[in-house]
Protein backbone atom coordinates (compact mmCIF):
# COMPACT_ATOMS: atom_id res chain seq x y z
CA MET A 1 -0.03 -0.09 0.22
CA ASP A 2 1.21 3.64 -0.81
CA ILE A 3 1.79 5.85 1.73
CA LYS A 4 1.05 9.41 1.22
CA PRO A 5 4.01 11.48 2.51
CA ALA A 6 2.82 13.76 5.17
CA ARG A 7 1.95 17.36 3.84
CA LYS A 8 4.35 19.90 5.50
CA TYR A 9 2.93 22.03 8.10
CA ARG A 10 3.07 25.63 7.62
CA GLY A 11 1.68 27.14 10.35
CA ASN A 12 0.36 30.79 9.73
CA LYS A 13 2.42 31.19 6.65
CA LEU A 14 0.56 32.36 3.95
CA SER A 15 0.89 30.93 0.13
CA ALA A 16 3.11 32.66 -2.34
CA SER A 17 0.08 34.17 -4.66
CA ALA A 18 -1.45 35.47 -1.38
CA GLU A 19 1.66 37.10 0.01
CA PHE A 20 1.99 38.70 -3.99
CA ALA A 21 -1.80 39.80 -3.53
CA ILE A 22 -1.32 41.24 0.07
CA HIS A 23 2.15 42.99 -1.23
CA LEU A 24 0.30 44.35 -4.58
CA ILE A 25 -2.70 45.57 -2.11
CA VAL A 26 -0.02 47.19 0.20
CA GLY A 27 2.06 48.64 -2.56
CA ALA A 28 -0.99 50.44 -4.29
CA PHE A 29 -2.41 51.92 -1.14
CA ALA A 30 1.22 52.91 -0.56
CA ILE A 31 1.05 54.97 -4.30
CA ALA A 32 -2.12 56.05 -3.57
CA CYS A 33 -1.00 57.89 -0.22
CA ILE A 34 2.15 59.31 -2.08
CA VAL A 35 0.70 60.20 -5.63
CA PRO A 36 -1.59 63.11 -4.08
CA PHE A 37 1.56 64.78 -2.24
CA ILE A 38 3.30 64.88 -5.63
CA PHE A 39 0.71 66.02 -7.47
CA ILE A 40 0.44 68.79 -4.83
CA ILE A 41 4.05 69.75 -5.65
CA VAL A 42 3.62 69.87 -9.31
CA ILE A 43 0.52 72.29 -9.29
CA ALA A 44 2.71 74.31 -6.87
CA PHE A 45 5.38 74.78 -9.67
CA SER A 46 2.63 75.09 -12.48
CA SER A 47 2.12 78.65 -13.83
CA ALA A 48 -1.48 79.97 -13.47
CA GLU A 49 -1.95 80.33 -17.30
CA SER A 50 -1.06 76.30 -17.58
CA LEU A 51 -3.52 75.54 -15.02
CA ARG A 52 -6.04 77.73 -17.08
CA THR A 53 -5.20 75.98 -20.22
CA ILE A 54 -5.00 72.28 -19.54
CA GLY A 55 -6.04 72.19 -15.74
CA TYR A 56 -4.50 69.87 -13.30
CA SER A 57 -1.86 67.81 -14.47
CA PHE A 58 1.33 66.02 -13.64
CA PHE A 59 2.88 67.57 -16.70
CA PRO A 60 2.28 71.34 -16.50
CA ALA A 61 3.06 73.48 -20.01
CA GLU A 62 4.81 75.94 -17.93
CA VAL A 63 6.98 75.73 -14.70
CA THR A 64 7.20 78.74 -12.83
CA ILE A 65 7.93 79.41 -8.98
CA THR A 66 5.35 82.36 -8.90
CA SER A 67 3.52 80.96 -6.25
CA PHE A 68 6.37 80.37 -3.80
CA ARG A 69 7.68 83.73 -4.27
CA ALA A 70 4.17 84.97 -3.51
CA ALA A 71 4.81 83.04 -0.03
CA PHE A 72 8.56 84.15 0.68
CA ASP A 73 7.84 87.75 -0.37
CA MET A 74 6.48 88.25 3.33
CA GLY A 75 9.97 88.18 4.11
CA ASP A 76 10.69 88.54 7.85
CA THR A 77 6.99 88.18 8.77
CA LEU A 78 7.28 84.43 7.48
CA VAL A 79 10.44 83.71 9.46
CA ARG A 80 8.59 84.96 12.29
CA SER A 81 5.93 82.90 11.76
CA PHE A 82 7.82 79.98 11.43
CA PHE A 83 9.65 80.51 14.51
CA VAL A 84 6.66 80.83 16.30
CA SER A 85 5.03 77.59 14.84
CA VAL A 86 8.49 76.00 15.73
CA PHE A 87 8.33 76.95 19.44
CA VAL A 88 4.70 76.19 20.05
CA THR A 89 5.29 72.78 18.83
CA VAL A 90 8.37 72.11 20.46
CA VAL A 91 7.38 73.21 23.78
CA GLY A 92 3.58 72.40 23.79
CA THR A 93 5.03 68.74 22.40
CA PHE A 94 7.08 68.67 25.33
CA LEU A 95 4.81 69.90 28.10
CA SER A 96 1.86 67.61 26.60
CA LEU A 97 3.95 64.42 26.53
CA LEU A 98 4.93 65.20 30.24
CA ILE A 99 1.33 65.90 31.39
CA THR A 100 0.16 62.72 29.26
CA ILE A 101 2.74 60.31 31.13
CA LEU A 102 2.38 61.49 34.48
CA TYR A 103 -1.82 61.25 34.21
CA SER A 104 -1.10 58.12 32.73
CA TYR A 105 1.22 56.37 34.93
CA GLY A 106 -1.18 57.17 37.77
CA LEU A 107 -4.38 55.11 35.60
CA TYR A 108 -1.76 52.15 34.86
CA ARG A 109 -0.90 51.65 38.45
CA LYS A 110 -3.52 49.09 39.83
CA ASP A 111 -2.68 50.32 43.41
CA TYR A 112 -3.50 54.03 43.17
CA LYS A 113 -6.95 54.24 44.88
CA LEU A 114 -8.30 57.19 43.07
CA ARG A 115 -7.51 55.83 39.32
CA HIS A 116 -11.12 54.86 38.73
CA PHE A 117 -12.02 58.39 39.36
CA PHE A 118 -9.22 60.13 37.10
CA ALA A 119 -10.22 57.35 34.52
CA PHE A 120 -14.05 58.36 34.37
CA PHE A 121 -12.55 62.02 34.57
CA VAL A 122 -10.78 61.16 31.14
CA PHE A 123 -13.53 59.54 29.43
CA PHE A 124 -15.95 62.20 30.93
CA THR A 125 -14.16 65.25 29.29
CA MET A 126 -13.63 62.96 25.97
CA VAL A 127 -17.15 63.03 25.62
CA PHE A 128 -18.67 65.86 26.71
CA GLY A 129 -17.05 69.10 26.11
CA GLY A 130 -17.13 72.55 27.41
CA GLY A 131 -18.11 74.28 23.88
CA LEU A 132 -16.07 77.18 22.23
CA VAL A 133 -17.84 80.00 24.33
CA PRO A 134 -16.23 78.50 27.83
CA THR A 135 -12.97 77.97 26.32
CA VAL A 136 -12.72 81.38 25.33
CA ILE A 137 -14.01 82.56 28.27
CA VAL A 138 -11.59 80.55 30.48
CA ILE A 139 -8.49 81.44 28.04
CA ARG A 140 -8.77 85.07 27.49
CA ASN A 141 -10.63 86.09 30.73
CA LEU A 142 -9.65 83.64 33.57
CA LEU A 143 -6.45 83.06 33.08
CA ASN A 144 -5.75 85.88 30.81
CA LEU A 145 -3.50 84.36 28.21
CA GLY A 146 -4.99 86.55 24.98
CA ASN A 147 -2.00 87.69 22.57
CA SER A 148 0.71 85.29 24.13
CA PHE A 149 2.21 81.72 23.73
CA GLY A 150 0.54 80.55 26.28
CA ALA A 151 -2.99 80.93 24.22
CA LEU A 152 -1.32 78.94 21.45
CA ILE A 153 -0.04 76.33 24.01
CA VAL A 154 -2.66 75.53 27.07
CA PRO A 155 -6.10 74.79 25.35
CA SER A 156 -4.17 71.75 23.83
CA LEU A 157 -1.75 70.24 26.64
CA PHE A 158 -4.20 67.70 27.65
CA LEU A 159 -5.90 65.38 25.26
CA PRO A 160 -7.83 62.62 26.82
CA PHE A 161 -7.53 60.21 23.88
CA HIS A 162 -3.93 60.39 24.34
CA VAL A 163 -4.05 59.71 27.91
CA ILE A 164 -6.02 56.42 26.64
CA ILE A 165 -3.13 55.33 24.11
CA MET A 166 -0.40 55.94 26.72
CA ARG A 167 -1.99 53.99 29.25
CA THR A 168 -2.64 50.95 27.08
CA PHE A 169 1.21 51.28 26.27
CA PHE A 170 2.14 51.22 29.90
CA VAL A 171 -0.28 48.07 30.13
CA THR A 172 0.88 46.19 27.22
CA SER A 173 4.78 46.99 27.37
CA VAL A 174 5.58 47.21 31.27
CA PRO A 175 4.77 44.26 33.42
CA THR A 176 3.74 44.97 37.01
CA SER A 177 6.50 42.44 38.54
CA LEU A 178 8.89 44.62 36.86
CA ILE A 179 7.58 47.89 38.87
CA GLU A 180 7.00 45.59 42.11
CA SER A 181 10.64 44.44 41.88
CA ALA A 182 11.91 48.24 41.58
CA HIS A 183 9.79 49.11 44.51
CA ILE A 184 11.55 46.20 46.76
CA ASP A 185 14.86 47.39 45.58
CA GLY A 186 13.92 51.04 46.95
CA SER A 187 13.30 52.99 44.15
CA GLY A 188 10.91 55.73 44.37
CA GLU A 189 7.78 56.67 42.02
CA PHE A 190 9.53 58.91 40.16
CA ARG A 191 12.82 56.95 39.77
CA THR A 192 10.63 54.09 38.50
CA LEU A 193 8.55 56.28 35.93
CA PHE A 194 11.67 57.74 34.46
CA SER A 195 14.37 55.04 34.91
CA ILE A 196 12.11 51.84 34.16
CA VAL A 197 8.43 52.39 32.78
CA ILE A 198 9.53 55.40 30.34
CA PRO A 199 12.32 53.31 28.37
CA LEU A 200 10.09 50.54 28.10
CA ALA A 201 7.40 52.67 26.60
CA LYS A 202 9.46 54.39 23.95
CA PRO A 203 7.02 53.42 21.07
CA GLY A 204 3.93 54.85 22.72
CA ILE A 205 5.51 57.81 23.71
CA ALA A 206 6.74 58.61 20.20
CA THR A 207 3.61 57.43 18.64
CA VAL A 208 1.63 60.18 21.04
CA GLY A 209 4.39 62.64 20.68
CA LEU A 210 3.93 62.56 17.06
CA LEU A 211 0.37 62.89 17.05
CA THR A 212 0.65 66.01 19.50
CA ALA A 213 3.16 67.61 17.11
CA ILE A 214 1.24 67.29 14.27
CA GLY A 215 -1.93 68.65 16.18
CA PHE A 216 0.11 71.82 17.30
CA TRP A 217 1.82 72.42 14.19
CA ASN A 218 -1.49 72.57 12.24
CA ASP A 219 -3.61 74.40 14.52
CA TRP A 220 -4.68 77.94 13.60
CA GLN A 221 -7.83 78.22 15.26
CA LEU A 222 -6.24 79.07 18.43
CA ALA A 223 -4.67 82.20 16.74
CA LEU A 224 -7.67 82.93 15.21
CA LEU A 225 -9.60 83.04 18.69
CA PHE A 226 -7.09 84.38 21.05
CA ILE A 227 -4.28 86.26 18.98
CA ARG A 228 -4.10 89.79 17.84
CA ASP A 229 -0.62 90.65 17.71
CA ARG A 230 0.95 89.69 14.28
CA ARG A 231 4.32 88.86 15.78
CA LEU A 232 2.65 86.02 17.36
CA PHE A 233 1.15 84.65 14.31
CA PRO A 234 1.87 80.95 13.70
CA LEU A 235 2.90 79.90 10.32
CA GLN A 236 -0.68 78.04 9.55
CA TYR A 237 -2.66 81.15 10.34
CA LEU A 238 -0.38 83.68 8.42
CA LEU A 239 -0.53 81.47 5.35
CA MET A 240 -4.35 80.97 5.69
CA GLU A 241 -4.83 84.84 6.20
CA MET A 242 -2.71 85.25 2.94
CA GLN A 243 -4.82 82.79 0.91
CA GLN A 244 -8.18 84.35 2.01
CA ASN A 245 -6.19 87.63 1.00
CA THR A 246 -5.55 86.78 -2.36
CA GLU A 247 -9.02 85.10 -3.00
CA PHE A 248 -10.58 88.62 -2.15
CA LEU A 249 -8.78 90.24 -4.35
CA ARG A 250 -9.40 87.59 -7.25
CA ARG A 251 -13.11 87.98 -6.59
CA ASN A 252 -13.02 91.69 -6.62
CA LEU A 253 -10.78 92.17 -9.47
CA THR A 254 -13.32 93.48 -11.67
CA MET A 255 -14.01 96.61 -9.43
CA ILE A 256 -10.57 97.29 -7.89
CA GLY A 257 -8.27 95.97 -10.79
CA SER A 258 -8.42 99.03 -13.15
CA ALA A 259 -7.46 101.51 -9.89
CA SER A 260 -4.70 99.25 -8.54
CA GLY A 261 -3.26 98.28 -11.63
CA ILE A 262 -3.33 94.69 -10.34
CA ASN A 263 -3.41 91.87 -12.90
CA LEU A 264 -5.34 89.08 -12.82
CA ALA A 265 -2.59 86.96 -14.02
CA ASP A 266 -0.28 88.09 -11.38
CA LEU A 267 -2.33 86.47 -8.61
CA PRO A 268 -1.80 83.09 -8.39
CA GLY A 269 -4.73 80.72 -7.25
CA GLU A 270 -4.18 77.31 -7.16
CA GLY A 271 -0.43 77.17 -7.29
CA LEU A 272 -0.58 79.29 -4.14
CA ARG A 273 -2.89 77.21 -2.30
CA MET A 274 -0.78 74.34 -3.39
CA ALA A 275 2.63 75.98 -2.46
CA LEU A 276 1.04 76.75 1.19
CA ALA A 277 0.14 72.94 1.60
CA VAL A 278 3.94 71.94 0.75
CA ILE A 279 5.31 74.64 3.19
CA ILE A 280 3.25 73.18 5.77
CA VAL A 281 3.37 69.63 5.31
CA LEU A 282 7.34 69.62 4.58
CA PRO A 283 8.62 69.88 8.46
CA ILE A 284 6.34 67.13 9.48
CA ALA A 285 7.49 64.91 6.65
CA CYS A 286 11.04 65.57 7.44
CA ALA A 287 10.27 64.84 10.72
CA TYR A 288 8.47 61.56 10.34
CA PRO A 289 11.57 59.45 9.76
CA PHE A 290 12.98 59.88 13.05
CA PHE A 291 9.87 58.55 14.58
CA GLN A 292 9.48 55.95 12.28
CA ARG A 293 11.57 53.14 13.84
CA PHE A 294 9.43 53.48 17.03
CA ILE A 295 6.13 53.73 15.47
CA ILE A 296 6.87 50.28 14.12
CA SER A 297 8.27 48.56 16.91
CA GLY A 298 4.94 50.01 18.66
CA LEU A 299 2.88 47.94 16.27
CA THR A 300 4.15 44.59 17.78
CA VAL A 301 3.59 45.47 21.29
CA GLY A 302 1.72 42.72 22.90
CA ALA A 303 3.03 40.26 20.52
CA ILE A 304 5.24 39.04 22.96
CA LYS A 305 3.51 37.68 26.16
CA GLU A 306 5.45 38.07 29.69
């Protein structure tokens, strides 16, 4: 009697065709994410005449830097706004991470008696917000932070969703037995947190830090609500204001064009919008590779059991 050889056990390994299909889908998704940004760069370097003639295209009829020149013509104002955005992003991210880590560590510790109360506090504030009017009253009247860096930083320091993410990373990456061993050896709470817990939770800290930095960098609503001094305008609000002014001139050119000598062709429209998008996205895109290895390692958290 012929005995068939036992089929080799493959475990969770996929077949070659399935792996190829998955790679194809992931590659197509990656291209779908990259192509729009490349398209934005191409439009930013396209002339207004090219956009009117052939519309949006990867191969413009005329390449020009008029849109970027219009943005950089602000000179010192643009540099000052860039410094404000960088300062707010760096300081705000550091303070927000510090508050998030300290709060999340309290929720992570099962021997902390008030952790259920503070967990409910986080959940309640995430579901129910005070609204715009109370926020303006607290920031401007109660805290007196109008026209200051504090108005751009303080309202975004504590984000409940980030606290939940950080607490989850603590639970999945820091064994409680390690905390108990540190206490037996005489380690205090702050030493345990900064010497043991934080090094083990670097992927979570990097992930939350990147999300926080993106939030501070892209924010312009706080400047709209609380800032009146142009020297404190962040980059995003300044560029948005410039775009709105350009759109206003384009809409009213028929009435003021002859008196002011402004030509419609001299006002970049879509090209300026795309140039501003490139200026805003480029710094974050350059910073992302520094966080990438931590984020990738964070995706595997929980794969190894204690």
